[in-house]
Amino acid sequence: MVASAGVYAVPLVMTLGAGGLIQWIAARERAAQFLGLALPLGFLLGWAVAVGPGWRAFDAFGRIGHIVFGAALLGFALDFWRPRHVFTITLLAIFIAGSSWAEANNGLWPDGNLGVMVFARCAVSIVLAGVLAWRIDRLRVLEIPKGNPAANPTAAALIVLLMMAAALGAVAAAADEARLAATGAVLALAIAGYLPWAWHGERTLPLAALCPIGAGLFALIWAMVTTGPVLAPGIALAALILFADGTARRVPLPRARVSGLLYLLILGGIALLPLLLAVAVTMGLVHGAPAHGV
């Protein structure tokens, strides 16, 4: 059951507070390694309180928490050991394949009823997760326009991902899918809670934060698709948010320190347009167009 509106402060406060606690307790070099865990911690606790999904994953919705938790552990391990790039890509590919198989097969272990459709869904899931991972990786090394020295590429990437999570939640809300809408809101608020630490921290997002965001978006999209094809157009329109930086970089900005904040506001404003369009299309498909005639 979805909780009251006040509970949605939990992911924001937990992420912000966990980041501050890590910064206070850990040494400077260790804090950078552990800080990324604040985001999945805030999301998982906020999701448990706001939605109460339970621990066991009976369907695509229940697997959201499992996939995010696994991505957090993988991201933290990669941040800690910093293996070669090829090894990192291999581990991420294995995780994507495993998560996609679990989604397509409705669990990791085959139930003896494997068919062509299971493998077809798995292939579609792998492609979806791969494209999402590729685009998020590009956001991780986002290029800020010259003459805009105050803009933080890490914060810019988080703004895009925050708006994407919010858009998915809004599309689900337009279709009266309360649990999915709450999940999108919790993920967006957890990202918002991590923004202050990203603004003052390193210029690259730690994988302990980035992997759970990507995993959460992937698992949420898959859970939304399994509810019915009516949500697919809204999801596709929301995905345009992941490319909002291309338009934002073309907006001329003054050569001043305030341009860093202006760039983030412009980026958020551009990302808002696909969000509104996705919600409008979803509402039209779900509730139907008004009758014509007299």
Protein backbone atom coordinates (compact mmCIF):
# COMPACT_ATOMS: atom_id res chain seq x y z
CA MET A 1 0.00 0.00 0.00
CA VAL A 2 1.25 3.48 -0.89
CA ALA A 3 1.82 5.69 2.17
CA SER A 4 0.79 9.30 2.74
CA ALA A 5 2.54 12.22 1.08
CA GLY A 6 4.63 13.14 4.13
CA VAL A 7 6.48 9.82 3.98
CA TYR A 8 8.11 10.86 0.71
CA ALA A 9 10.53 12.99 2.71
CA VAL A 10 12.23 9.76 3.81
CA PRO A 11 14.32 9.10 0.65
CA LEU A 12 15.39 12.75 0.46
CA VAL A 13 16.33 13.01 4.14
CA MET A 14 17.91 9.55 4.30
CA THR A 15 20.12 10.14 1.26
CA LEU A 16 21.16 13.59 2.43
CA GLY A 17 21.72 12.43 6.01
CA ALA A 18 23.59 9.25 5.06
CA GLY A 19 25.90 11.29 2.84
CA GLY A 20 26.62 13.71 5.67
CA LEU A 21 27.22 10.88 8.12
CA ILE A 22 29.66 9.20 5.75
CA GLN A 23 31.52 12.47 5.20
CA TRP A 24 31.76 13.01 8.97
CA ILE A 25 32.83 9.50 9.99
CA ALA A 26 35.05 8.34 7.13
CA ALA A 27 38.46 9.70 6.29
CA ARG A 28 38.66 11.92 3.22
CA GLU A 29 39.87 9.21 0.84
CA ARG A 30 37.43 6.64 2.25
CA ALA A 31 34.47 9.02 2.17
CA ALA A 32 34.66 9.22 -1.63
CA GLN A 33 34.44 5.42 -1.84
CA PHE A 34 31.46 5.09 0.50
CA LEU A 35 29.52 8.24 -0.41
CA GLY A 36 27.85 6.66 -3.42
CA LEU A 37 26.08 4.15 -1.13
CA ALA A 38 24.02 6.98 0.37
CA LEU A 39 21.81 7.08 -2.73
CA PRO A 40 20.72 3.41 -2.92
CA LEU A 41 20.33 3.40 0.87
CA GLY A 42 17.99 6.38 0.68
CA PHE A 43 16.03 4.84 -2.17
CA LEU A 44 15.63 1.38 -0.64
CA LEU A 45 14.58 2.70 2.76
CA GLY A 46 12.28 5.28 1.20
CA TRP A 47 10.76 2.65 -1.09
CA ALA A 48 10.20 0.26 1.81
CA VAL A 49 8.47 2.96 3.88
CA ALA A 50 6.47 4.68 1.12
CA VAL A 51 5.39 1.58 -0.82
CA GLY A 52 5.98 -1.39 1.49
CA PRO A 53 6.70 -3.90 -1.31
CA GLY A 54 7.87 -6.73 0.96
CA TRP A 55 11.15 -8.61 0.65
CA ARG A 56 10.17 -11.43 -1.71
CA ALA A 57 9.95 -10.58 -5.40
CA PHE A 58 6.85 -12.19 -6.88
CA ASP A 59 6.69 -9.98 -9.97
CA ALA A 60 8.50 -7.26 -11.90
CA PHE A 61 7.51 -4.64 -9.35
CA GLY A 62 8.93 -6.61 -6.43
CA ARG A 63 12.20 -7.16 -8.28
CA ILE A 64 12.90 -3.42 -8.41
CA GLY A 65 14.42 -3.44 -4.92
CA HIS A 66 16.42 -6.61 -5.55
CA ILE A 67 17.92 -5.24 -8.77
CA VAL A 68 18.78 -1.88 -7.17
CA PHE A 69 20.38 -3.63 -4.18
CA GLY A 70 22.49 -5.85 -6.43
CA ALA A 71 23.54 -2.86 -8.53
CA ALA A 72 24.60 -0.98 -5.39
CA LEU A 73 26.83 -3.85 -4.28
CA LEU A 74 28.35 -4.19 -7.75
CA GLY A 75 28.92 -0.44 -8.09
CA PHE A 76 30.54 -0.24 -4.66
CA ALA A 77 32.85 -3.17 -5.46
CA LEU A 78 33.91 -1.53 -8.73
CA ASP A 79 34.55 1.80 -6.98
CA PHE A 80 36.57 0.07 -4.27
CA TRP A 81 38.78 -2.18 -6.42
CA ARG A 82 38.84 -0.04 -9.58
CA PRO A 83 39.51 -2.90 -12.02
CA ARG A 84 40.48 -2.45 -15.63
CA HIS A 85 37.86 -1.02 -17.95
CA VAL A 86 37.35 -4.31 -19.80
CA PHE A 87 36.72 -6.16 -16.54
CA THR A 88 34.28 -3.46 -15.42
CA ILE A 89 32.33 -3.70 -18.68
CA THR A 90 32.27 -7.50 -18.38
CA LEU A 91 30.84 -7.43 -14.87
CA LEU A 92 28.23 -4.86 -15.82
CA ALA A 93 27.25 -6.93 -18.88
CA ILE A 94 26.84 -10.03 -16.70
CA PHE A 95 24.66 -8.08 -14.28
CA ILE A 96 22.53 -6.71 -17.13
CA ALA A 97 22.13 -10.19 -18.63
CA GLY A 98 21.19 -11.69 -15.25
CA SER A 99 18.68 -8.95 -14.46
CA SER A 100 17.16 -9.19 -17.94
CA TRP A 101 16.83 -12.95 -17.64
CA ALA A 102 15.12 -12.63 -14.25
CA GLU A 103 12.66 -10.12 -15.71
CA ALA A 104 11.90 -12.18 -18.82
CA ASN A 105 11.70 -15.52 -16.98
CA ASN A 106 9.95 -14.09 -13.90
CA GLY A 107 12.82 -15.36 -11.74
CA LEU A 108 16.42 -16.52 -12.01
CA TRP A 109 15.65 -20.25 -12.05
CA PRO A 110 13.90 -21.83 -15.07
CA ASP A 111 10.47 -23.27 -14.23
CA GLY A 112 10.49 -25.86 -17.02
CA ASN A 113 8.16 -23.87 -19.27
CA LEU A 114 10.77 -22.05 -21.29
CA GLY A 115 9.66 -21.00 -24.72
CA VAL A 116 10.60 -18.72 -27.57
CA MET A 117 8.76 -15.78 -25.96
CA VAL A 118 10.89 -16.00 -22.82
CA PHE A 119 14.10 -15.67 -24.81
CA ALA A 120 12.55 -12.96 -26.98
CA ARG A 121 11.61 -10.95 -23.88
CA CYS A 122 15.10 -11.52 -22.50
CA ALA A 123 16.65 -10.18 -25.72
CA VAL A 124 14.41 -7.10 -25.65
CA SER A 125 15.28 -6.57 -21.98
CA ILE A 126 19.01 -6.82 -22.66
CA VAL A 127 18.75 -4.28 -25.48
CA LEU A 128 16.75 -1.91 -23.27
CA ALA A 129 19.20 -2.22 -20.38
CA GLY A 130 22.21 -1.92 -22.69
CA VAL A 131 20.95 1.26 -24.37
CA LEU A 132 20.06 2.76 -21.01
CA ALA A 133 23.49 1.88 -19.59
CA TRP A 134 25.21 3.37 -22.64
CA ARG A 135 23.31 6.65 -22.40
CA ILE A 136 23.84 6.96 -18.64
CA ASP A 137 27.55 6.30 -19.14
CA ARG A 138 27.64 9.15 -21.65
CA LEU A 139 25.94 11.41 -19.10
CA ARG A 140 28.65 10.45 -16.64
CA VAL A 141 31.21 12.20 -18.83
CA LEU A 142 28.89 15.03 -19.82
CA GLU A 143 30.65 17.93 -21.52
CA ILE A 144 29.81 21.37 -20.17
CA PRO A 145 29.97 24.30 -22.63
CA LYS A 146 33.13 26.39 -22.61
CA GLY A 147 32.84 29.64 -20.71
CA ASN A 148 30.71 27.91 -18.09
CA PRO A 149 33.32 26.96 -15.46
CA ALA A 150 30.92 26.84 -12.53
CA ALA A 151 28.73 24.11 -14.02
CA ASN A 152 29.27 20.73 -12.41
CA PRO A 153 28.97 17.83 -14.90
CA THR A 154 28.08 15.43 -12.08
CA ALA A 155 25.19 17.63 -10.95
CA ALA A 156 24.08 18.05 -14.57
CA ALA A 157 23.96 14.29 -15.07
CA LEU A 158 21.96 13.89 -11.86
CA ILE A 159 19.46 16.53 -12.98
CA VAL A 160 18.80 14.54 -16.17
CA LEU A 161 18.43 11.26 -14.26
CA LEU A 162 16.23 12.91 -11.62
CA MET A 163 13.90 14.25 -14.32
CA MET A 164 13.81 10.84 -16.01
CA ALA A 165 12.75 9.14 -12.76
CA ALA A 166 10.16 11.86 -12.14
CA ALA A 167 8.82 11.47 -15.67
CA LEU A 168 8.37 7.71 -15.27
CA GLY A 169 6.58 8.29 -11.97
CA ALA A 170 4.35 10.93 -13.57
CA VAL A 171 3.47 8.62 -16.49
CA ALA A 172 2.56 5.88 -14.04
CA ALA A 173 0.45 8.34 -12.03
CA ALA A 174 -1.37 9.38 -15.20
CA ALA A 175 -2.26 5.72 -15.71
CA ASP A 176 -3.43 5.38 -12.07
CA GLU A 177 -0.58 2.99 -11.21
CA ALA A 178 0.01 4.21 -7.66
CA ARG A 179 2.85 1.85 -6.67
CA LEU A 180 4.84 2.55 -9.83
CA ALA A 181 4.24 6.29 -9.49
CA ALA A 182 5.46 6.16 -5.89
CA THR A 183 8.58 4.26 -6.97
CA GLY A 184 9.46 6.90 -9.56
CA ALA A 185 8.94 9.65 -6.99
CA VAL A 186 11.11 7.88 -4.39
CA LEU A 187 13.94 7.40 -6.91
CA ALA A 188 13.76 11.05 -7.99
CA LEU A 189 13.84 12.24 -4.36
CA ALA A 190 16.78 9.99 -3.52
CA ILE A 191 18.69 11.51 -6.45
CA ALA A 192 17.72 14.98 -5.22
CA GLY A 193 19.11 14.12 -1.80
CA TYR A 194 22.44 13.17 -3.38
CA LEU A 195 22.69 16.37 -5.43
CA PRO A 196 24.28 18.56 -2.69
CA TRP A 197 27.07 16.02 -2.19
CA ALA A 198 27.63 15.74 -5.94
CA TRP A 199 27.76 19.52 -6.25
CA HIS A 200 30.57 19.84 -3.70
CA GLY A 201 32.20 16.47 -4.29
CA GLU A 202 34.11 14.77 -7.06
CA ARG A 203 33.54 15.60 -10.71
CA THR A 204 32.62 11.99 -11.57
CA LEU A 205 29.66 10.05 -10.28
CA PRO A 206 30.69 6.98 -8.26
CA LEU A 207 29.39 3.70 -9.64
CA ALA A 208 27.88 2.91 -6.23
CA ALA A 209 25.39 5.71 -6.96
CA LEU A 210 25.22 5.50 -10.75
CA CYS A 211 24.59 1.75 -11.05
CA PRO A 212 21.57 1.79 -8.69
CA ILE A 213 20.08 4.76 -10.55
CA GLY A 214 20.41 2.97 -13.88
CA ALA A 215 19.15 -0.30 -12.39
CA GLY A 216 16.21 1.48 -10.78
CA LEU A 217 15.22 3.14 -14.05
CA PHE A 218 15.53 -0.14 -15.94
CA ALA A 219 13.52 -2.14 -13.39
CA LEU A 220 10.86 0.57 -13.17
CA ILE A 221 10.49 0.75 -16.95
CA TRP A 222 10.14 -3.03 -17.19
CA ALA A 223 7.56 -3.10 -14.41
CA MET A 224 5.61 -0.36 -16.19
CA VAL A 225 5.71 -2.19 -19.52
CA THR A 226 4.42 -5.40 -17.93
CA THR A 227 1.31 -3.58 -16.70
CA GLY A 228 0.18 -3.07 -20.29
CA PRO A 229 1.22 -1.55 -23.62
CA VAL A 230 -0.70 1.65 -22.92
CA LEU A 231 2.28 3.00 -20.96
CA ALA A 232 4.81 2.36 -23.74
CA PRO A 233 4.32 5.66 -25.66
CA GLY A 234 4.71 7.68 -22.47
CA ILE A 235 7.88 5.79 -21.56
CA ALA A 236 9.31 6.39 -25.03
CA LEU A 237 8.60 10.12 -24.79
CA ALA A 238 10.09 10.27 -21.29
CA ALA A 239 13.28 8.68 -22.64
CA LEU A 240 13.90 11.87 -24.64
CA ILE A 241 14.92 13.44 -21.32
CA LEU A 242 18.15 11.43 -21.46
CA PHE A 243 19.15 13.54 -24.48
CA ALA A 244 18.16 16.93 -23.02
CA ASP A 245 21.81 17.89 -22.52
CA GLY A 246 22.31 18.14 -26.29
CA THR A 247 19.80 20.99 -26.49
CA ALA A 248 20.93 22.62 -23.25
CA ARG A 249 24.52 22.90 -24.48
CA ARG A 250 23.37 25.05 -27.40
CA VAL A 251 21.85 27.74 -25.16
CA PRO A 252 24.25 30.71 -24.86
CA LEU A 253 25.16 31.64 -21.32
CA PRO A 254 27.03 34.60 -19.79
CA ARG A 255 30.66 34.12 -18.84
CA ALA A 256 29.93 34.42 -15.14
CA ARG A 257 29.89 32.12 -12.14
CA VAL A 258 26.10 32.16 -12.04
CA SER A 259 26.09 30.45 -15.44
CA GLY A 260 26.68 27.11 -13.69
CA LEU A 261 23.35 27.36 -11.91
CA LEU A 262 21.65 28.77 -15.01
CA TYR A 263 22.81 25.78 -17.05
CA LEU A 264 21.25 23.35 -14.57
CA LEU A 265 17.98 25.30 -14.55
CA ILE A 266 17.89 25.34 -18.35
CA LEU A 267 18.66 21.63 -18.44
CA GLY A 268 15.81 20.91 -16.03
CA GLY A 269 13.44 23.13 -18.01
CA ILE A 270 14.24 21.38 -21.28
CA ALA A 271 13.76 17.98 -19.61
CA LEU A 272 10.37 19.14 -18.32
CA LEU A 273 8.95 19.35 -21.86
CA PRO A 274 9.14 15.59 -22.66
CA LEU A 275 7.79 14.90 -19.16
CA LEU A 276 4.67 16.97 -19.77
CA LEU A 277 4.20 15.52 -23.24
CA ALA A 278 4.57 11.96 -21.92
CA VAL A 279 1.96 12.60 -19.21
CA ALA A 280 -0.47 14.20 -21.69
CA VAL A 281 -0.17 11.31 -24.15
CA THR A 282 -0.59 8.73 -21.38
CA MET A 283 -3.67 10.44 -20.01
CA GLY A 284 -5.15 10.57 -23.50
CA LEU A 285 -4.54 6.86 -24.06
CA VAL A 286 -5.73 5.74 -20.62
CA HIS A 287 -8.77 7.93 -20.19
CA GLY A 288 -9.65 8.30 -23.85
CA ALA A 289 -10.39 11.36 -25.95
CA PRO A 290 -13.61 13.33 -25.31
CA ALA A 291 -16.60 12.34 -27.37
CA HIS A 292 -17.26 14.35 -30.53
CA GLY A 293 -20.52 15.70 -31.72
CA VAL A 294 -23.57 17.00 -29.90
